[in-house]
Amino acid sequence: MKISLVMATIGRTAEPKRFLESLLAQTDRNFEVLVVDQNPDNRLVPILQAMTLRGLPLRHLRLDFPSLSNARNLGIAQAAGDLVGFPDDDCWYEEGTIAAVRQCFEVNKDADGVVGCWVEQSLARGEEPSSGNLSICDWRDFRGGDASSISLFFKTKLLAKVGGFDGRLGVGHWYGAAEEIDLLLRALDTGATLIHCQSARVHHMFSTEPEPLSWYSCNATRRRARGTGAIYAKHKLATWTMVRGLAAPILKPLFRISPKGIVRGGFVSLGRFEGFLRWKSQQR
């Protein structure tokens, strides 16, 4: 059971190198890496050549426009593995991560996908990592827990069935996020069995502190929130779920008497509303 790791990257050098270094340390080496390079230059070429010389099974793919979802879809189309994972270019694995993913699939024969543990996120929240199967009802109510794309490992045949990521969603697009939520919902809609795997530990920086309030950060928040609004419309979520999602970003900081939180929450609500309306009217 070979694992294909699709790493989309743009604008970074040190961080992709750190991730690839973490792969060289894996106890289970039955994997391949597909680096989907969206840079307009050759900044990664020396790093990738060095990693290849050190024995890393690596393929260098190019995408000439920035789009996280389309970069990952390009990698999926080229993947030779039975399983596919989606590491960010600034995450890294523990030495036993690949082995843990494989063991999760071997123990859970019916699993179509596993969701690993984002270590820093769990530690920052002071919570135990999620366990058990993902529930379609919980995810449609936006109460399904955590499942970042960096922790997703799906069977290739499931990705073929659902069609990979929606290229209209995610970084590089007007709907600036929520591509992994959409993928999970579409997978669960097919009846796929997705399980949490606490032993598959993925590292990525995580902060509970909000970005400094600025016009730029507020608009970035708004752009990401449009993806959530698109999910509301695309998956025809319950009215109460949508109303709660539009009101909560403003009401929560209002109750805490947090002026900055109210401003930030206003941009979240605006983005979600914009995403919902635009998807409803244009993306039938």
Protein backbone atom coordinates (compact mmCIF):
# COMPACT_ATOMS: atom_id res chain seq x y z
CA MET A 1 0.00 0.00 0.00
CA LYS A 2 2.00 2.94 -1.33
CA ILE A 3 1.32 6.49 -0.13
CA SER A 4 1.53 9.51 -2.44
CA LEU A 5 2.16 12.84 -0.71
CA VAL A 6 1.04 15.85 -2.75
CA MET A 7 2.74 19.03 -1.54
CA ALA A 8 1.62 22.22 -3.27
CA THR A 9 4.04 25.09 -2.75
CA ILE A 10 4.58 28.72 -3.61
CA GLY A 11 6.77 31.48 -2.24
CA ARG A 12 8.74 29.38 0.26
CA THR A 13 12.08 27.58 0.35
CA ALA A 14 13.13 26.86 3.96
CA GLU A 15 9.77 25.39 4.94
CA PRO A 16 9.46 22.90 2.04
CA LYS A 17 13.02 21.82 2.74
CA ARG A 18 12.13 21.16 6.39
CA PHE A 19 9.16 19.02 5.32
CA LEU A 20 11.24 17.00 2.88
CA GLU A 21 13.90 16.51 5.55
CA SER A 22 11.20 15.05 7.82
CA LEU A 23 10.37 12.54 5.09
CA LEU A 24 13.97 11.37 4.89
CA ALA A 25 13.66 10.42 8.57
CA GLN A 26 10.54 8.27 8.13
CA THR A 27 10.68 4.72 9.47
CA ASP A 28 8.31 3.66 6.65
CA ARG A 29 9.73 4.63 3.27
CA ASN A 30 7.02 3.18 1.00
CA PHE A 31 5.87 6.55 -0.31
CA GLU A 32 6.43 9.06 -3.07
CA VAL A 33 6.41 12.85 -2.97
CA LEU A 34 4.82 14.97 -5.67
CA VAL A 35 5.93 18.58 -5.33
CA VAL A 36 3.51 20.82 -7.23
CA ASP A 37 5.54 23.97 -7.75
CA GLN A 38 3.59 27.18 -8.42
CA ASN A 39 6.62 29.49 -8.25
CA PRO A 40 7.46 31.55 -11.35
CA ASP A 41 11.16 30.86 -10.75
CA ASN A 42 13.42 27.89 -10.02
CA ARG A 43 14.00 28.53 -6.33
CA LEU A 44 13.13 24.95 -5.39
CA VAL A 45 15.19 23.18 -8.04
CA PRO A 46 18.47 22.97 -6.04
CA ILE A 47 16.60 21.70 -2.96
CA LEU A 48 14.70 19.08 -4.92
CA GLN A 49 17.81 17.90 -6.71
CA ALA A 50 19.64 17.54 -3.39
CA MET A 51 16.75 15.60 -1.88
CA THR A 52 16.63 13.26 -4.87
CA LEU A 53 20.35 12.56 -4.50
CA ARG A 54 19.70 11.69 -0.86
CA GLY A 55 17.23 9.02 -1.92
CA LEU A 56 13.87 10.76 -1.58
CA PRO A 57 11.40 9.39 -4.18
CA LEU A 58 10.31 12.73 -5.60
CA ARG A 59 8.59 14.12 -8.67
CA HIS A 60 8.61 17.81 -9.54
CA LEU A 61 5.40 19.05 -11.16
CA ARG A 62 4.61 22.59 -12.31
CA LEU A 63 1.42 24.65 -12.19
CA ASP A 64 1.71 28.08 -13.79
CA PHE A 65 -0.94 29.83 -11.68
CA PRO A 66 -1.52 29.95 -7.90
CA SER A 67 -4.33 27.65 -6.82
CA LEU A 68 -4.02 25.27 -3.91
CA SER A 69 -6.96 23.07 -4.92
CA ASN A 70 -5.90 22.79 -8.56
CA ALA A 71 -2.31 22.09 -7.55
CA ARG A 72 -3.50 19.23 -5.36
CA ASN A 73 -5.72 17.92 -8.14
CA LEU A 74 -2.73 17.90 -10.48
CA GLY A 75 -0.86 15.83 -7.90
CA ILE A 76 -3.80 13.45 -7.45
CA ALA A 77 -3.94 12.87 -11.20
CA GLN A 78 -0.24 11.94 -11.24
CA ALA A 79 -0.23 9.91 -7.99
CA ALA A 80 0.91 6.29 -8.20
CA GLY A 81 -0.04 5.40 -4.63
CA ASP A 82 -3.07 3.63 -3.18
CA LEU A 83 -3.36 6.45 -0.63
CA VAL A 84 -2.89 10.20 -1.02
CA GLY A 85 -2.01 12.81 1.63
CA PHE A 86 -1.90 16.60 1.34
CA PRO A 87 0.89 18.13 3.42
CA ASP A 88 1.28 21.91 3.35
CA ASP A 89 4.70 23.17 2.36
CA ASP A 90 5.23 24.52 5.90
CA CYS A 91 4.24 21.43 7.90
CA TRP A 92 6.41 18.49 8.96
CA TYR A 93 5.98 14.88 10.02
CA GLU A 94 7.25 12.90 12.98
CA GLU A 95 9.43 9.94 12.00
CA GLY A 96 6.59 7.49 12.55
CA THR A 97 3.80 9.42 10.79
CA ILE A 98 3.78 7.44 7.53
CA ALA A 99 3.96 4.14 9.44
CA ALA A 100 1.02 5.23 11.63
CA VAL A 101 -1.10 6.14 8.61
CA ARG A 102 -0.43 2.76 7.03
CA GLN A 103 -1.23 0.93 10.27
CA CYS A 104 -4.53 2.81 10.62
CA PHE A 105 -5.62 1.58 7.20
CA GLU A 106 -4.40 -1.97 7.86
CA VAL A 107 -6.26 -2.21 11.17
CA ASN A 108 -9.41 -0.52 9.82
CA LYS A 109 -9.97 -2.47 6.61
CA ASP A 110 -13.18 -0.64 5.72
CA ALA A 111 -11.72 2.86 6.08
CA ASP A 112 -11.73 5.00 2.95
CA GLY A 113 -9.75 7.76 4.62
CA VAL A 114 -8.11 8.71 7.89
CA VAL A 115 -7.73 12.06 9.62
CA GLY A 116 -4.47 12.43 11.48
CA CYS A 117 -3.71 14.61 14.50
CA TRP A 118 -2.54 18.19 14.04
CA VAL A 119 -0.36 18.25 17.14
CA GLU A 120 -0.02 22.00 17.74
CA GLN A 121 -3.73 22.61 17.27
CA SER A 122 -4.64 19.97 19.86
CA LEU A 123 -2.08 21.29 22.35
CA ALA A 124 -3.14 24.92 21.93
CA ARG A 125 -6.78 24.07 22.55
CA GLY A 126 -5.98 21.82 25.48
CA GLU A 127 -8.13 19.09 23.98
CA GLU A 128 -7.66 15.40 23.37
CA PRO A 129 -7.42 14.64 19.64
CA SER A 130 -10.69 13.53 18.08
CA SER A 131 -11.36 9.82 17.79
CA GLY A 132 -13.84 7.50 16.12
CA ASN A 133 -15.62 7.86 12.79
CA LEU A 134 -16.56 11.15 11.18
CA SER A 135 -20.33 11.73 11.16
CA ILE A 136 -22.07 13.25 8.15
CA CYS A 137 -24.74 14.74 10.43
CA ASP A 138 -22.16 16.43 12.65
CA TRP A 139 -20.20 17.77 9.68
CA ARG A 140 -23.31 19.15 8.01
CA ASP A 141 -24.03 20.97 11.27
CA PHE A 142 -20.43 22.28 11.43
CA ARG A 143 -19.87 20.34 14.64
CA GLY A 144 -17.68 17.60 13.19
CA GLY A 145 -14.45 18.58 14.92
CA ASP A 146 -11.09 19.18 13.31
CA ALA A 147 -9.93 17.78 9.98
CA SER A 148 -7.39 20.09 8.39
CA SER A 149 -6.25 19.15 4.89
CA ILE A 150 -2.70 18.57 6.19
CA SER A 151 -4.02 15.65 8.23
CA LEU A 152 -6.11 14.00 5.49
CA PHE A 153 -5.07 10.69 3.92
CA PHE A 154 -7.60 9.26 1.45
CA LYS A 155 -7.71 6.17 -0.71
CA THR A 156 -7.01 7.12 -4.31
CA LYS A 157 -10.18 5.40 -5.50
CA LEU A 158 -12.28 7.58 -3.16
CA LEU A 159 -10.67 10.74 -4.58
CA ALA A 160 -11.43 9.49 -8.08
CA LYS A 161 -15.03 8.86 -7.05
CA VAL A 162 -15.64 12.33 -5.60
CA GLY A 163 -13.51 14.16 -8.17
CA GLY A 164 -10.79 15.56 -5.91
CA PHE A 165 -10.89 19.12 -4.63
CA ASP A 166 -13.30 21.71 -5.99
CA GLY A 167 -11.04 24.04 -7.98
CA ARG A 168 -13.27 27.03 -7.22
CA LEU A 169 -12.50 26.89 -3.50
CA GLY A 170 -9.34 27.53 -1.51
CA VAL A 171 -6.23 29.69 -1.49
CA GLY A 172 -5.85 31.61 -4.74
CA HIS A 173 -9.59 31.98 -5.34
CA TRP A 174 -12.42 34.38 -4.48
CA TYR A 175 -13.79 31.67 -2.18
CA GLY A 176 -10.57 31.63 -0.19
CA ALA A 177 -10.92 28.53 1.99
CA ALA A 178 -13.10 25.55 2.99
CA GLU A 179 -11.91 23.25 0.20
CA GLU A 180 -11.19 20.45 2.68
CA ILE A 181 -14.61 20.79 4.32
CA ASP A 182 -16.21 20.48 0.90
CA LEU A 183 -14.11 17.39 0.12
CA LEU A 184 -15.04 15.76 3.43
CA LEU A 185 -18.74 16.46 2.96
CA ARG A 186 -18.72 15.05 -0.56
CA ALA A 187 -16.84 11.97 0.61
CA LEU A 188 -19.21 11.39 3.51
CA ASP A 189 -22.19 11.91 1.20
CA THR A 190 -21.03 8.88 -0.81
CA GLY A 191 -21.15 6.74 2.35
CA ALA A 192 -17.36 6.69 2.73
CA THR A 193 -15.95 5.62 6.09
CA LEU A 194 -13.53 8.23 7.45
CA ILE A 195 -11.84 7.72 10.82
CA HIS A 196 -9.65 9.75 13.15
CA CYS A 197 -6.14 8.41 13.66
CA GLN A 198 -4.47 10.00 16.69
CA SER A 199 -1.16 8.24 16.10
CA ALA A 200 -0.64 9.88 12.68
CA ARG A 201 0.90 13.07 14.02
CA VAL A 202 1.37 16.09 11.76
CA HIS A 203 3.07 19.30 12.86
CA HIS A 204 2.18 22.81 11.72
CA MET A 205 2.35 26.09 13.59
CA PHE A 206 -0.93 27.05 15.24
CA SER A 207 -1.81 30.18 17.18
CA THR A 208 -4.90 31.06 19.20
CA GLU A 209 -3.94 34.75 18.97
CA PRO A 210 -5.76 36.69 16.24
CA GLU A 211 -3.79 38.59 13.64
CA PRO A 212 -3.27 42.30 14.39
CA LEU A 213 -6.35 44.20 13.29
CA SER A 214 -5.75 45.86 9.93
CA TRP A 215 -7.55 46.39 6.67
CA TYR A 216 -5.40 43.69 5.08
CA SER A 217 -6.02 41.08 7.80
CA CYS A 218 -9.75 41.82 7.89
CA ASN A 219 -10.07 41.37 4.14
CA ALA A 220 -8.04 38.16 4.30
CA THR A 221 -10.47 36.93 6.97
CA ARG A 222 -13.39 37.97 4.77
CA ARG A 223 -11.93 36.12 1.76
CA ARG A 224 -11.47 32.90 3.75
CA ALA A 225 -15.00 33.20 5.16
CA ARG A 226 -16.47 33.27 1.65
CA GLY A 227 -15.50 29.62 1.35
CA THR A 228 -17.66 28.74 4.33
CA GLY A 229 -20.57 30.66 2.81
CA ALA A 230 -20.10 28.70 -0.41
CA ILE A 231 -20.35 25.47 1.62
CA TYR A 232 -23.68 26.65 3.06
CA ALA A 233 -25.11 27.03 -0.44
CA LYS A 234 -23.37 24.16 -2.24
CA HIS A 235 -24.35 21.54 0.33
CA LYS A 236 -27.75 23.05 1.16
CA LEU A 237 -27.10 23.09 4.88
CA ALA A 238 -29.89 23.56 7.40
CA THR A 239 -31.19 27.10 7.84
CA TRP A 240 -30.33 27.10 11.54
CA THR A 241 -26.75 26.07 10.83
CA MET A 242 -26.37 28.96 8.40
CA VAL A 243 -28.05 31.51 10.70
CA ARG A 244 -25.83 30.43 13.58
CA GLY A 245 -22.75 30.67 11.36
CA LEU A 246 -23.64 34.20 10.27
CA ALA A 247 -24.57 35.52 13.71
CA ALA A 248 -22.04 33.86 16.03
CA PRO A 249 -18.91 35.73 14.78
CA ILE A 250 -20.50 39.03 15.88
CA LEU A 251 -22.50 37.92 18.91
CA LYS A 252 -19.68 36.10 20.69
CA PRO A 253 -17.30 39.09 20.86
CA LEU A 254 -20.28 41.36 21.59
CA PHE A 255 -21.02 39.39 24.75
CA ARG A 256 -17.32 39.57 25.69
CA ILE A 257 -17.32 43.33 25.02
CA SER A 258 -14.44 43.02 22.54
CA PRO A 259 -14.55 45.88 20.00
CA LYS A 260 -11.74 44.38 17.89
CA GLY A 261 -13.46 41.02 17.99
CA ILE A 262 -16.70 42.58 16.82
CA VAL A 263 -14.94 44.20 13.86
CA ARG A 264 -13.19 40.98 12.93
CA GLY A 265 -16.40 38.99 13.39
CA GLY A 266 -18.22 41.45 11.16
CA PHE A 267 -15.81 40.64 8.33
CA VAL A 268 -16.31 36.90 8.94
CA SER A 269 -20.09 37.27 8.76
CA LEU A 270 -19.84 39.51 5.70
CA GLY A 271 -17.59 37.03 3.92
CA ARG A 272 -19.87 34.09 4.70
CA PHE A 273 -22.91 36.03 3.49
CA GLU A 274 -21.13 37.09 0.29
CA GLY A 275 -19.97 33.52 -0.37
CA PHE A 276 -23.46 32.14 0.17
CA LEU A 277 -25.15 34.67 -2.11
CA ARG A 278 -22.61 34.41 -4.91
CA TRP A 279 -22.61 30.61 -4.93
CA LYS A 280 -26.39 30.56 -4.81
CA SER A 281 -26.68 32.91 -7.76
CA GLN A 282 -23.71 31.90 -9.94
CA GLN A 283 -22.56 28.37 -9.11
CA ARG A 284 -25.66 26.28 -9.70
